[in-house]
Amino acid sequence: MIAVVWILVGFIALILTWALYIYNKLVTLRNDVKNAWSQIDVQLKRRYDLIPNLVAAVRGAMEHEKTVFEKVVAARTRAMAASRMQEMAAAEASLTSSLQGLFFVIEGYPALRSNENVMHLQEELVSTENRIAFARQLYNDLVANYRTGLEVFPDMLIASAFKFLPFEYFSAEALLRAWNPDKFAGYERRN
C-alpha cells in the first residue's frame, strides 16, 4: 500500500515538473517575441526621428515638391499612430513608399545629391530600413517558434490552461508591395 502511494506521489511530482517546465518554456518564448518586437520598435522610432531631419534638409531646395513632403509627413504620422500589427504593417509600407518617392525626387536635384548632410541622412535611413528588415525577420521567426510551442501536443494543454495567446506576424507582404519602382512613374526627374 505504501509503495502505491509513493508511486502515485512520484507520478504527480513528475507531471508537475513537466507542467512547470512547459510553462517556463512558453514564458521564455513569449518574452523572446516581446523582446524582438521592442527591437523593431526601437528601429521604427529611429526612422521616425530621422525623417523630419531629412525633410528639413531638402525642403528649401525642393520647395515646389510640397506634395512629396506632405505624403512623407502624413505617412509618418499614420505609422506612429498605428497600434495593431496589420495596421502598423500597412502604415509602414506606406511610409516606405513615401520615402522612396522622396529619394527618387532628390535624385533629380544635383545640389542635394552633393549635399553631405542630405546624403548622410539618406544613408542613415537606408541603414535603418535594413535594421528594420532584420529585426522583422527575427521577430517573425520567434513568433513561429512561439506559435509552434502553443500548438504542439502536449504543450498545448499547458498553453490553453494558462491562456497563452499567439502573436501576429509582422506581414512583409505589404512592405514588399511598397518597394515597387513602377509606383514612381508619375514623379518627374529634374536635372
N, C-alpha and C. Protein backbone atom coordinates (compact mmCIF):
# COMPACT_ATOMS: atom_id res chain seq x y z
N MET A 1 0.81 -1.18 0.00
CA MET A 1 0.00 0.00 0.00
C MET A 1 0.87 1.26 0.00
N ILE A 2 1.93 1.29 0.83
CA ILE A 2 2.81 2.45 0.91
C ILE A 2 3.55 2.63 -0.41
N ALA A 3 3.92 1.53 -1.05
CA ALA A 3 4.61 1.61 -2.34
C ALA A 3 3.71 2.26 -3.39
N VAL A 4 2.44 1.95 -3.38
CA VAL A 4 1.49 2.53 -4.34
C VAL A 4 1.38 4.04 -4.10
N VAL A 5 1.35 4.46 -2.84
CA VAL A 5 1.27 5.88 -2.50
C VAL A 5 2.52 6.60 -3.01
N TRP A 6 3.69 5.97 -2.79
CA TRP A 6 4.93 6.60 -3.25
C TRP A 6 4.98 6.67 -4.79
N ILE A 7 4.51 5.66 -5.44
CA ILE A 7 4.45 5.69 -6.91
C ILE A 7 3.51 6.80 -7.37
N LEU A 8 2.37 6.92 -6.72
CA LEU A 8 1.40 7.97 -7.06
C LEU A 8 2.00 9.35 -6.80
N VAL A 9 2.67 9.54 -5.68
CA VAL A 9 3.32 10.82 -5.37
C VAL A 9 4.41 11.12 -6.39
N GLY A 10 5.19 10.10 -6.74
CA GLY A 10 6.24 10.28 -7.75
C GLY A 10 5.65 10.66 -9.11
N PHE A 11 4.54 10.01 -9.48
CA PHE A 11 3.90 10.31 -10.75
C PHE A 11 3.36 11.74 -10.76
N ILE A 12 2.74 12.17 -9.68
CA ILE A 12 2.22 13.54 -9.57
C ILE A 12 3.37 14.54 -9.61
N ALA A 13 4.47 14.24 -8.93
CA ALA A 13 5.63 15.13 -8.96
C ALA A 13 6.20 15.23 -10.37
N LEU A 14 6.24 14.11 -11.08
CA LEU A 14 6.72 14.11 -12.46
C LEU A 14 5.82 14.96 -13.36
N ILE A 15 4.52 14.82 -13.22
CA ILE A 15 3.57 15.61 -14.01
C ILE A 15 3.72 17.09 -13.69
N LEU A 16 3.85 17.45 -12.42
CA LEU A 16 4.02 18.86 -12.03
C LEU A 16 5.34 19.42 -12.55
N THR A 17 6.39 18.62 -12.49
CA THR A 17 7.69 19.06 -13.02
C THR A 17 7.60 19.30 -14.52
N TRP A 18 6.94 18.37 -15.21
CA TRP A 18 6.74 18.53 -16.66
C TRP A 18 5.94 19.80 -16.96
N ALA A 19 4.84 20.02 -16.23
CA ALA A 19 3.99 21.19 -16.46
C ALA A 19 4.76 22.47 -16.18
N LEU A 20 5.56 22.48 -15.14
CA LEU A 20 6.37 23.65 -14.81
C LEU A 20 7.40 23.91 -15.90
N TYR A 21 8.03 22.86 -16.41
CA TYR A 21 9.00 23.00 -17.50
C TYR A 21 8.33 23.61 -18.74
N ILE A 22 7.20 23.08 -19.14
CA ILE A 22 6.48 23.57 -20.32
C ILE A 22 6.05 25.01 -20.11
N TYR A 23 5.51 25.31 -18.95
CA TYR A 23 5.07 26.68 -18.65
C TYR A 23 6.25 27.66 -18.78
N ASN A 24 7.38 27.31 -18.17
CA ASN A 24 8.56 28.18 -18.23
C ASN A 24 9.08 28.33 -19.66
N LYS A 25 9.01 27.24 -20.44
CA LYS A 25 9.44 27.30 -21.84
C LYS A 25 8.54 28.27 -22.62
N LEU A 26 7.24 28.20 -22.41
CA LEU A 26 6.31 29.09 -23.11
C LEU A 26 6.50 30.55 -22.68
N VAL A 27 6.75 30.77 -21.42
CA VAL A 27 7.03 32.14 -20.94
C VAL A 27 8.30 32.68 -21.59
N THR A 28 9.32 31.84 -21.68
CA THR A 28 10.58 32.26 -22.32
C THR A 28 10.35 32.60 -23.78
N LEU A 29 9.61 31.76 -24.50
CA LEU A 29 9.32 32.02 -25.91
C LEU A 29 8.52 33.32 -26.07
N ARG A 30 7.54 33.51 -25.20
CA ARG A 30 6.73 34.74 -25.25
C ARG A 30 7.59 35.96 -24.99
N ASN A 31 8.49 35.90 -24.03
CA ASN A 31 9.37 37.03 -23.73
C ASN A 31 10.36 37.29 -24.86
N ASP A 32 10.81 36.23 -25.53
CA ASP A 32 11.69 36.41 -26.70
C ASP A 32 10.96 37.18 -27.80
N VAL A 33 9.69 36.86 -28.02
CA VAL A 33 8.90 37.58 -29.04
C VAL A 33 8.73 39.04 -28.64
N LYS A 34 8.42 39.29 -27.38
CA LYS A 34 8.25 40.67 -26.92
C LYS A 34 9.56 41.46 -27.05
N ASN A 35 10.67 40.83 -26.75
CA ASN A 35 11.96 41.49 -26.90
C ASN A 35 12.25 41.80 -28.36
N ALA A 36 11.96 40.85 -29.24
CA ALA A 36 12.16 41.08 -30.68
C ALA A 36 11.29 42.23 -31.16
N TRP A 37 10.06 42.30 -30.65
CA TRP A 37 9.19 43.41 -31.04
C TRP A 37 9.76 44.75 -30.56
N SER A 38 10.32 44.77 -29.37
CA SER A 38 10.89 46.03 -28.87
C SER A 38 12.08 46.46 -29.72
N GLN A 39 12.81 45.49 -30.31
CA GLN A 39 13.91 45.85 -31.21
C GLN A 39 13.38 46.49 -32.49
N ILE A 40 12.27 45.97 -33.01
CA ILE A 40 11.63 46.59 -34.17
C ILE A 40 11.19 48.00 -33.80
N ASP A 41 10.58 48.12 -32.64
CA ASP A 41 10.07 49.42 -32.19
C ASP A 41 11.19 50.45 -32.07
N VAL A 42 12.35 50.05 -31.58
CA VAL A 42 13.50 50.95 -31.47
C VAL A 42 13.91 51.45 -32.85
N GLN A 43 13.98 50.54 -33.82
CA GLN A 43 14.39 50.94 -35.16
C GLN A 43 13.34 51.81 -35.84
N LEU A 44 12.06 51.52 -35.60
CA LEU A 44 11.00 52.36 -36.17
C LEU A 44 11.07 53.77 -35.59
N LYS A 45 11.30 53.88 -34.30
CA LYS A 45 11.42 55.20 -33.68
C LYS A 45 12.63 55.95 -34.23
N ARG A 46 13.69 55.22 -34.46
CA ARG A 46 14.89 55.83 -35.05
C ARG A 46 14.56 56.40 -36.42
N ARG A 47 13.83 55.62 -37.21
CA ARG A 47 13.44 56.11 -38.54
C ARG A 47 12.51 57.31 -38.41
N TYR A 48 11.56 57.26 -37.49
CA TYR A 48 10.64 58.39 -37.30
C TYR A 48 11.41 59.66 -36.93
N ASP A 49 12.49 59.51 -36.17
CA ASP A 49 13.30 60.67 -35.78
C ASP A 49 14.14 61.21 -36.92
N LEU A 50 14.58 60.34 -37.83
CA LEU A 50 15.41 60.78 -38.95
C LEU A 50 14.60 61.49 -40.04
N ILE A 51 13.36 61.11 -40.21
CA ILE A 51 12.56 61.65 -41.31
C ILE A 51 12.41 63.17 -41.25
N PRO A 52 12.05 63.77 -40.12
CA PRO A 52 11.93 65.24 -40.11
C PRO A 52 13.25 65.94 -40.44
N ASN A 53 14.37 65.35 -40.04
CA ASN A 53 15.67 65.94 -40.36
C ASN A 53 15.92 65.94 -41.86
N LEU A 54 15.59 64.83 -42.52
CA LEU A 54 15.77 64.76 -43.97
C LEU A 54 14.84 65.74 -44.68
N VAL A 55 13.60 65.77 -44.26
CA VAL A 55 12.64 66.70 -44.88
C VAL A 55 13.10 68.14 -44.71
N ALA A 56 13.57 68.49 -43.53
CA ALA A 56 14.06 69.86 -43.29
C ALA A 56 15.29 70.16 -44.14
N ALA A 57 16.15 69.17 -44.33
CA ALA A 57 17.39 69.39 -45.09
C ALA A 57 17.12 69.62 -46.57
N VAL A 58 16.08 69.02 -47.12
CA VAL A 58 15.83 69.15 -48.56
C VAL A 58 14.71 70.12 -48.90
N ARG A 59 13.95 70.54 -47.91
CA ARG A 59 12.77 71.37 -48.16
C ARG A 59 13.10 72.66 -48.89
N GLY A 60 14.14 73.35 -48.51
CA GLY A 60 14.49 74.62 -49.13
C GLY A 60 14.79 74.50 -50.61
N ALA A 61 15.50 73.45 -50.98
CA ALA A 61 15.88 73.27 -52.38
C ALA A 61 14.74 72.71 -53.22
N MET A 62 13.75 72.12 -52.56
CA MET A 62 12.66 71.47 -53.29
C MET A 62 11.31 72.06 -52.88
N GLU A 63 11.23 73.35 -52.75
CA GLU A 63 10.02 73.99 -52.24
C GLU A 63 8.78 73.64 -53.07
N HIS A 64 8.92 73.49 -54.36
CA HIS A 64 7.76 73.20 -55.21
C HIS A 64 7.37 71.71 -55.20
N GLU A 65 8.04 70.91 -54.42
CA GLU A 65 7.70 69.48 -54.27
C GLU A 65 6.88 69.27 -53.00
N LYS A 66 5.98 70.18 -52.73
CA LYS A 66 5.21 70.17 -51.49
C LYS A 66 4.43 68.86 -51.29
N THR A 67 3.87 68.30 -52.36
CA THR A 67 3.08 67.08 -52.21
C THR A 67 3.93 65.91 -51.74
N VAL A 68 5.18 65.85 -52.17
CA VAL A 68 6.08 64.77 -51.73
C VAL A 68 6.29 64.87 -50.23
N PHE A 69 6.54 66.09 -49.73
CA PHE A 69 6.75 66.28 -48.29
C PHE A 69 5.49 65.93 -47.51
N GLU A 70 4.35 66.37 -48.03
CA GLU A 70 3.08 66.10 -47.34
C GLU A 70 2.82 64.60 -47.25
N LYS A 71 3.14 63.85 -48.32
CA LYS A 71 2.96 62.40 -48.29
C LYS A 71 3.85 61.75 -47.24
N VAL A 72 5.10 62.20 -47.17
CA VAL A 72 6.04 61.62 -46.21
C VAL A 72 5.58 61.93 -44.78
N VAL A 73 5.22 63.18 -44.53
CA VAL A 73 4.80 63.57 -43.18
C VAL A 73 3.50 62.85 -42.78
N ALA A 74 2.55 62.77 -43.71
CA ALA A 74 1.29 62.07 -43.41
C ALA A 74 1.53 60.59 -43.16
N ALA A 75 2.38 59.97 -43.96
CA ALA A 75 2.68 58.55 -43.78
C ALA A 75 3.38 58.31 -42.44
N ARG A 76 4.28 59.20 -42.08
CA ARG A 76 4.99 59.09 -40.79
C ARG A 76 3.99 59.19 -39.64
N THR A 77 3.07 60.13 -39.74
CA THR A 77 2.06 60.32 -38.70
C THR A 77 1.18 59.08 -38.56
N ARG A 78 0.74 58.51 -39.69
CA ARG A 78 -0.08 57.29 -39.64
C ARG A 78 0.71 56.13 -39.03
N ALA A 79 1.98 56.01 -39.41
CA ALA A 79 2.80 54.91 -38.88
C ALA A 79 3.00 55.04 -37.38
N MET A 80 3.20 56.25 -36.92
CA MET A 80 3.42 56.46 -35.48
C MET A 80 2.14 56.21 -34.69
N ALA A 81 0.98 56.42 -35.32
CA ALA A 81 -0.30 56.26 -34.62
C ALA A 81 -0.83 54.83 -34.68
N ALA A 82 -0.29 54.00 -35.55
CA ALA A 82 -0.80 52.63 -35.71
C ALA A 82 -0.59 51.83 -34.43
N SER A 83 -1.59 51.03 -34.10
CA SER A 83 -1.48 50.26 -32.87
C SER A 83 -1.56 48.75 -33.11
N ARG A 84 -2.39 48.31 -34.04
CA ARG A 84 -2.50 46.88 -34.32
C ARG A 84 -1.45 46.46 -35.35
N MET A 85 -1.07 45.20 -35.32
CA MET A 85 0.03 44.71 -36.16
C MET A 85 -0.27 44.91 -37.65
N GLN A 86 -1.45 44.53 -38.12
CA GLN A 86 -1.76 44.67 -39.54
C GLN A 86 -1.82 46.13 -39.94
N GLU A 87 -2.39 46.95 -39.08
CA GLU A 87 -2.47 48.39 -39.33
C GLU A 87 -1.06 48.98 -39.40
N MET A 88 -0.20 48.52 -38.50
CA MET A 88 1.17 49.01 -38.47
C MET A 88 1.94 48.58 -39.72
N ALA A 89 1.76 47.35 -40.15
CA ALA A 89 2.46 46.86 -41.36
C ALA A 89 2.03 47.69 -42.57
N ALA A 90 0.74 47.97 -42.69
CA ALA A 90 0.26 48.77 -43.82
C ALA A 90 0.79 50.19 -43.75
N ALA A 91 0.80 50.77 -42.55
CA ALA A 91 1.30 52.14 -42.38
C ALA A 91 2.80 52.21 -42.67
N GLU A 92 3.54 51.20 -42.24
CA GLU A 92 4.98 51.18 -42.51
C GLU A 92 5.25 51.01 -44.01
N ALA A 93 4.42 50.23 -44.67
CA ALA A 93 4.56 50.08 -46.13
C ALA A 93 4.32 51.40 -46.82
N SER A 94 3.32 52.13 -46.38
CA SER A 94 3.02 53.45 -46.95
C SER A 94 4.17 54.42 -46.69
N LEU A 95 4.73 54.38 -45.50
CA LEU A 95 5.85 55.26 -45.18
C LEU A 95 7.07 54.91 -46.03
N THR A 96 7.34 53.64 -46.19
CA THR A 96 8.45 53.21 -47.03
C THR A 96 8.26 53.70 -48.46
N SER A 97 7.06 53.56 -48.95
CA SER A 97 6.75 54.01 -50.31
C SER A 97 6.93 55.52 -50.44
N SER A 98 6.48 56.27 -49.46
CA SER A 98 6.62 57.73 -49.48
C SER A 98 8.09 58.14 -49.44
N LEU A 99 8.87 57.45 -48.63
CA LEU A 99 10.30 57.75 -48.57
C LEU A 99 10.98 57.45 -49.89
N GLN A 100 10.58 56.37 -50.53
CA GLN A 100 11.15 56.06 -51.85
C GLN A 100 10.82 57.18 -52.83
N GLY A 101 9.61 57.70 -52.76
CA GLY A 101 9.24 58.81 -53.63
C GLY A 101 10.10 60.02 -53.37
N LEU A 102 10.37 60.31 -52.11
CA LEU A 102 11.24 61.43 -51.75
C LEU A 102 12.66 61.19 -52.26
N PHE A 103 13.18 59.98 -52.08
CA PHE A 103 14.52 59.66 -52.56
C PHE A 103 14.60 59.81 -54.08
N PHE A 104 13.55 59.38 -54.75
CA PHE A 104 13.51 59.47 -56.21
C PHE A 104 13.56 60.93 -56.65
N VAL A 105 12.80 61.78 -55.98
CA VAL A 105 12.78 63.21 -56.33
C VAL A 105 14.12 63.85 -56.01
N ILE A 106 14.74 63.47 -54.89
CA ILE A 106 16.05 64.01 -54.51
C ILE A 106 17.08 63.72 -55.60
N GLU A 107 16.97 62.56 -56.22
CA GLU A 107 17.91 62.19 -57.28
C GLU A 107 17.91 63.21 -58.43
N GLY A 108 16.81 63.91 -58.63
CA GLY A 108 16.71 64.89 -59.70
C GLY A 108 17.32 66.24 -59.37
N TYR A 109 17.87 66.40 -58.18
CA TYR A 109 18.46 67.67 -57.75
C TYR A 109 19.95 67.48 -57.49
N PRO A 110 20.79 67.87 -58.44
CA PRO A 110 22.24 67.68 -58.27
C PRO A 110 22.79 68.35 -57.01
N ALA A 111 22.24 69.51 -56.64
CA ALA A 111 22.73 70.20 -55.44
C ALA A 111 22.45 69.38 -54.19
N LEU A 112 21.33 68.69 -54.15
CA LEU A 112 21.01 67.85 -52.99
C LEU A 112 21.84 66.57 -52.98
N ARG A 113 22.10 66.03 -54.16
CA ARG A 113 22.92 64.81 -54.22
C ARG A 113 24.33 65.06 -53.74
N SER A 114 24.79 66.29 -53.89
CA SER A 114 26.16 66.59 -53.45
C SER A 114 26.19 67.14 -52.02
N ASN A 115 25.04 67.36 -51.41
CA ASN A 115 24.96 67.86 -50.04
C ASN A 115 25.26 66.71 -49.08
N GLU A 116 26.34 66.87 -48.30
CA GLU A 116 26.76 65.79 -47.40
C GLU A 116 25.71 65.47 -46.35
N ASN A 117 25.05 66.49 -45.81
CA ASN A 117 24.04 66.27 -44.79
C ASN A 117 22.87 65.45 -45.34
N VAL A 118 22.42 65.77 -46.54
CA VAL A 118 21.32 65.03 -47.16
C VAL A 118 21.75 63.59 -47.43
N MET A 119 22.94 63.42 -47.97
CA MET A 119 23.42 62.07 -48.27
C MET A 119 23.59 61.25 -46.99
N HIS A 120 24.09 61.89 -45.94
CA HIS A 120 24.25 61.20 -44.66
C HIS A 120 22.89 60.76 -44.11
N LEU A 121 21.91 61.66 -44.14
CA LEU A 121 20.58 61.31 -43.65
C LEU A 121 19.95 60.20 -44.49
N GLN A 122 20.16 60.28 -45.79
CA GLN A 122 19.62 59.25 -46.67
C GLN A 122 20.27 57.89 -46.37
N GLU A 123 21.57 57.89 -46.16
CA GLU A 123 22.27 56.65 -45.81
C GLU A 123 21.80 56.10 -44.47
N GLU A 124 21.58 56.99 -43.51
CA GLU A 124 21.08 56.57 -42.20
C GLU A 124 19.70 55.93 -42.32
N LEU A 125 18.85 56.52 -43.15
CA LEU A 125 17.52 55.95 -43.34
C LEU A 125 17.59 54.59 -44.02
N VAL A 126 18.43 54.45 -45.01
CA VAL A 126 18.58 53.16 -45.69
C VAL A 126 19.14 52.12 -44.71
N SER A 127 20.12 52.51 -43.92
CA SER A 127 20.68 51.61 -42.91
C SER A 127 19.60 51.20 -41.90
N THR A 128 18.79 52.15 -41.50
CA THR A 128 17.72 51.86 -40.55
C THR A 128 16.70 50.92 -41.18
N GLU A 129 16.39 51.12 -42.45
CA GLU A 129 15.47 50.21 -43.16
C GLU A 129 16.01 48.78 -43.13
N ASN A 130 17.31 48.63 -43.33
CA ASN A 130 17.92 47.30 -43.28
C ASN A 130 17.82 46.70 -41.89
N ARG A 131 18.02 47.52 -40.87
CA ARG A 131 17.89 47.03 -39.49
C ARG A 131 16.45 46.61 -39.19
N ILE A 132 15.50 47.38 -39.71
CA ILE A 132 14.09 47.04 -39.51
C ILE A 132 13.79 45.70 -40.17
N ALA A 133 14.31 45.51 -41.38
CA ALA A 133 14.07 44.25 -42.10
C ALA A 133 14.65 43.07 -41.32
N PHE A 134 15.86 43.24 -40.78
CA PHE A 134 16.47 42.16 -40.00
C PHE A 134 15.67 41.90 -38.72
N ALA A 135 15.28 42.97 -38.02
CA ALA A 135 14.51 42.82 -36.78
C ALA A 135 13.15 42.18 -37.06
N ARG A 136 12.54 42.54 -38.18
CA ARG A 136 11.24 41.96 -38.55
C ARG A 136 11.39 40.47 -38.81
N GLN A 137 12.46 40.08 -39.49
CA GLN A 137 12.69 38.67 -39.77
C GLN A 137 12.88 37.89 -38.47
N LEU A 138 13.69 38.44 -37.56
CA LEU A 138 13.90 37.78 -36.27
C LEU A 138 12.58 37.66 -35.51
N TYR A 139 11.81 38.74 -35.49
CA TYR A 139 10.52 38.73 -34.80
C TYR A 139 9.62 37.63 -35.37
N ASN A 140 9.50 37.57 -36.68
CA ASN A 140 8.63 36.57 -37.30
C ASN A 140 9.12 35.15 -37.03
N ASP A 141 10.44 34.95 -37.00
CA ASP A 141 10.98 33.63 -36.66
C ASP A 141 10.62 33.24 -35.22
N LEU A 142 10.74 34.19 -34.32
CA LEU A 142 10.41 33.92 -32.92
C LEU A 142 8.91 33.71 -32.73
N VAL A 143 8.09 34.45 -33.47
CA VAL A 143 6.64 34.23 -33.42
C VAL A 143 6.32 32.81 -33.89
N ALA A 144 6.99 32.36 -34.96
CA ALA A 144 6.76 31.00 -35.46
C ALA A 144 7.13 29.96 -34.39
N ASN A 145 8.26 30.15 -33.72
CA ASN A 145 8.66 29.22 -32.65
C ASN A 145 7.64 29.22 -31.52
N TYR A 146 7.19 30.39 -31.12
CA TYR A 146 6.23 30.52 -30.03
C TYR A 146 4.90 29.86 -30.42
N ARG A 147 4.44 30.14 -31.63
CA ARG A 147 3.17 29.55 -32.06
C ARG A 147 3.27 28.03 -32.14
N THR A 148 4.41 27.53 -32.56
CA THR A 148 4.62 26.08 -32.58
C THR A 148 4.51 25.53 -31.17
N GLY A 149 5.12 26.23 -30.21
CA GLY A 149 5.02 25.81 -28.81
C GLY A 149 3.59 25.79 -28.30
N LEU A 150 2.76 26.69 -28.82
CA LEU A 150 1.36 26.73 -28.39
C LEU A 150 0.52 25.63 -29.03
N GLU A 151 0.99 25.11 -30.16
CA GLU A 151 0.16 24.18 -30.92
C GLU A 151 0.55 22.72 -30.80
N VAL A 152 1.77 22.43 -30.35
CA VAL A 152 2.18 21.03 -30.27
C VAL A 152 1.62 20.37 -29.01
N PHE A 153 1.34 19.09 -29.16
CA PHE A 153 0.87 18.31 -28.02
C PHE A 153 2.07 17.73 -27.30
N PRO A 154 2.14 17.75 -26.04
CA PRO A 154 1.16 18.10 -25.02
C PRO A 154 1.29 19.55 -24.52
N ASP A 155 2.23 20.33 -25.11
CA ASP A 155 2.43 21.72 -24.66
C ASP A 155 1.15 22.54 -24.76
N MET A 156 0.32 22.22 -25.75
CA MET A 156 -0.90 22.98 -25.95
C MET A 156 -1.84 22.88 -24.74
N LEU A 157 -1.72 21.81 -23.97
CA LEU A 157 -2.56 21.67 -22.77
C LEU A 157 -2.19 22.75 -21.74
N ILE A 158 -0.91 22.95 -21.55
CA ILE A 158 -0.45 23.99 -20.61
C ILE A 158 -0.77 25.37 -21.17
N ALA A 159 -0.55 25.55 -22.47
CA ALA A 159 -0.81 26.85 -23.11
C ALA A 159 -2.27 27.25 -22.97
N SER A 160 -3.16 26.31 -23.20
CA SER A 160 -4.58 26.65 -23.09
C SER A 160 -5.00 26.81 -21.63
N ALA A 161 -4.44 26.03 -20.74
CA ALA A 161 -4.78 26.15 -19.32
C ALA A 161 -4.38 27.51 -18.76
N PHE A 162 -3.26 28.04 -19.21
CA PHE A 162 -2.78 29.33 -18.71
C PHE A 162 -3.05 30.47 -19.69
N LYS A 163 -3.87 30.20 -20.72
CA LYS A 163 -4.33 31.21 -21.67
C LYS A 163 -3.21 31.99 -22.36
N PHE A 164 -2.23 31.25 -22.85
CA PHE A 164 -1.19 31.86 -23.68
C PHE A 164 -1.82 32.18 -25.04
N LEU A 165 -1.68 33.40 -25.50
CA LEU A 165 -2.27 33.82 -26.77
C LEU A 165 -1.19 33.98 -27.83
N PRO A 166 -1.51 33.63 -29.08
CA PRO A 166 -0.50 33.76 -30.15
C PRO A 166 -0.28 35.22 -30.53
N PHE A 167 0.91 35.52 -31.01
CA PHE A 167 1.23 36.84 -31.55
C PHE A 167 0.99 36.82 -33.05
N GLU A 168 0.73 37.99 -33.62
CA GLU A 168 0.58 38.10 -35.07
C GLU A 168 1.96 38.26 -35.69
N TYR A 169 2.08 37.79 -36.92
CA TYR A 169 3.29 38.01 -37.69
C TYR A 169 3.31 39.46 -38.17
N PHE A 170 4.50 40.01 -38.33
CA PHE A 170 4.65 41.33 -38.93
C PHE A 170 4.71 41.08 -40.43
N SER A 171 3.61 41.30 -41.10
CA SER A 171 3.45 40.93 -42.50
C SER A 171 4.42 41.69 -43.40
N ALA A 172 5.22 40.94 -44.12
CA ALA A 172 6.15 41.55 -45.06
C ALA A 172 5.50 41.78 -46.42
N GLU A 173 4.35 41.17 -46.64
CA GLU A 173 3.69 41.29 -47.95
C GLU A 173 3.40 42.75 -48.30
N ALA A 174 2.86 43.51 -47.36
CA ALA A 174 2.57 44.92 -47.62
C ALA A 174 3.86 45.70 -47.84
N LEU A 175 4.90 45.35 -47.11
CA LEU A 175 6.16 46.06 -47.26
C LEU A 175 6.81 45.75 -48.60
N LEU A 176 6.69 44.51 -49.07
CA LEU A 176 7.26 44.16 -50.36
C LEU A 176 6.53 44.90 -51.49
N ARG A 177 5.22 45.04 -51.37
CA ARG A 177 4.47 45.78 -52.38
C ARG A 177 4.91 47.24 -52.41
N ALA A 178 5.35 47.77 -51.29
CA ALA A 178 5.75 49.18 -51.22
C ALA A 178 7.01 49.44 -52.02
N TRP A 179 7.85 48.42 -52.21
CA TRP A 179 9.11 48.62 -52.92
C TRP A 179 8.93 48.41 -54.43
N ASN A 180 7.85 48.91 -54.97
CA ASN A 180 7.55 48.77 -56.39
C ASN A 180 8.00 50.02 -57.14
N PRO A 181 9.05 49.94 -57.97
CA PRO A 181 9.57 51.12 -58.66
C PRO A 181 8.58 51.71 -59.66
N ASP A 182 7.61 50.92 -60.12
CA ASP A 182 6.63 51.43 -61.07
C ASP A 182 5.73 52.48 -60.44
N LYS A 183 5.64 52.50 -59.12
CA LYS A 183 4.81 53.49 -58.44
C LYS A 183 5.31 54.91 -58.67
N PHE A 184 6.56 55.06 -59.03
CA PHE A 184 7.15 56.40 -59.14
C PHE A 184 7.22 56.88 -60.57
N ALA A 185 6.47 56.24 -61.44
CA ALA A 185 6.47 56.65 -62.84
C ALA A 185 5.92 58.08 -62.99
N GLY A 186 5.04 58.49 -62.07
CA GLY A 186 4.45 59.84 -62.15
C GLY A 186 5.34 60.94 -61.65
N TYR A 187 6.41 60.60 -60.96
CA TYR A 187 7.33 61.62 -60.47
C TYR A 187 8.24 62.07 -61.60
N GLU A 188 8.42 63.36 -61.71
CA GLU A 188 9.29 63.87 -62.77
C GLU A 188 10.72 63.98 -62.24
N ARG A 189 11.64 63.60 -63.07
CA ARG A 189 13.05 63.71 -62.71
C ARG A 189 13.53 65.08 -63.21
N ARG A 190 14.10 65.87 -62.31
CA ARG A 190 14.60 67.20 -62.67
C ARG A 190 16.11 67.18 -62.65
N ASN A 191 16.74 67.47 -63.76
CA ASN A 191 18.21 67.52 -63.83
C ASN A 191 18.68 68.86 -64.30
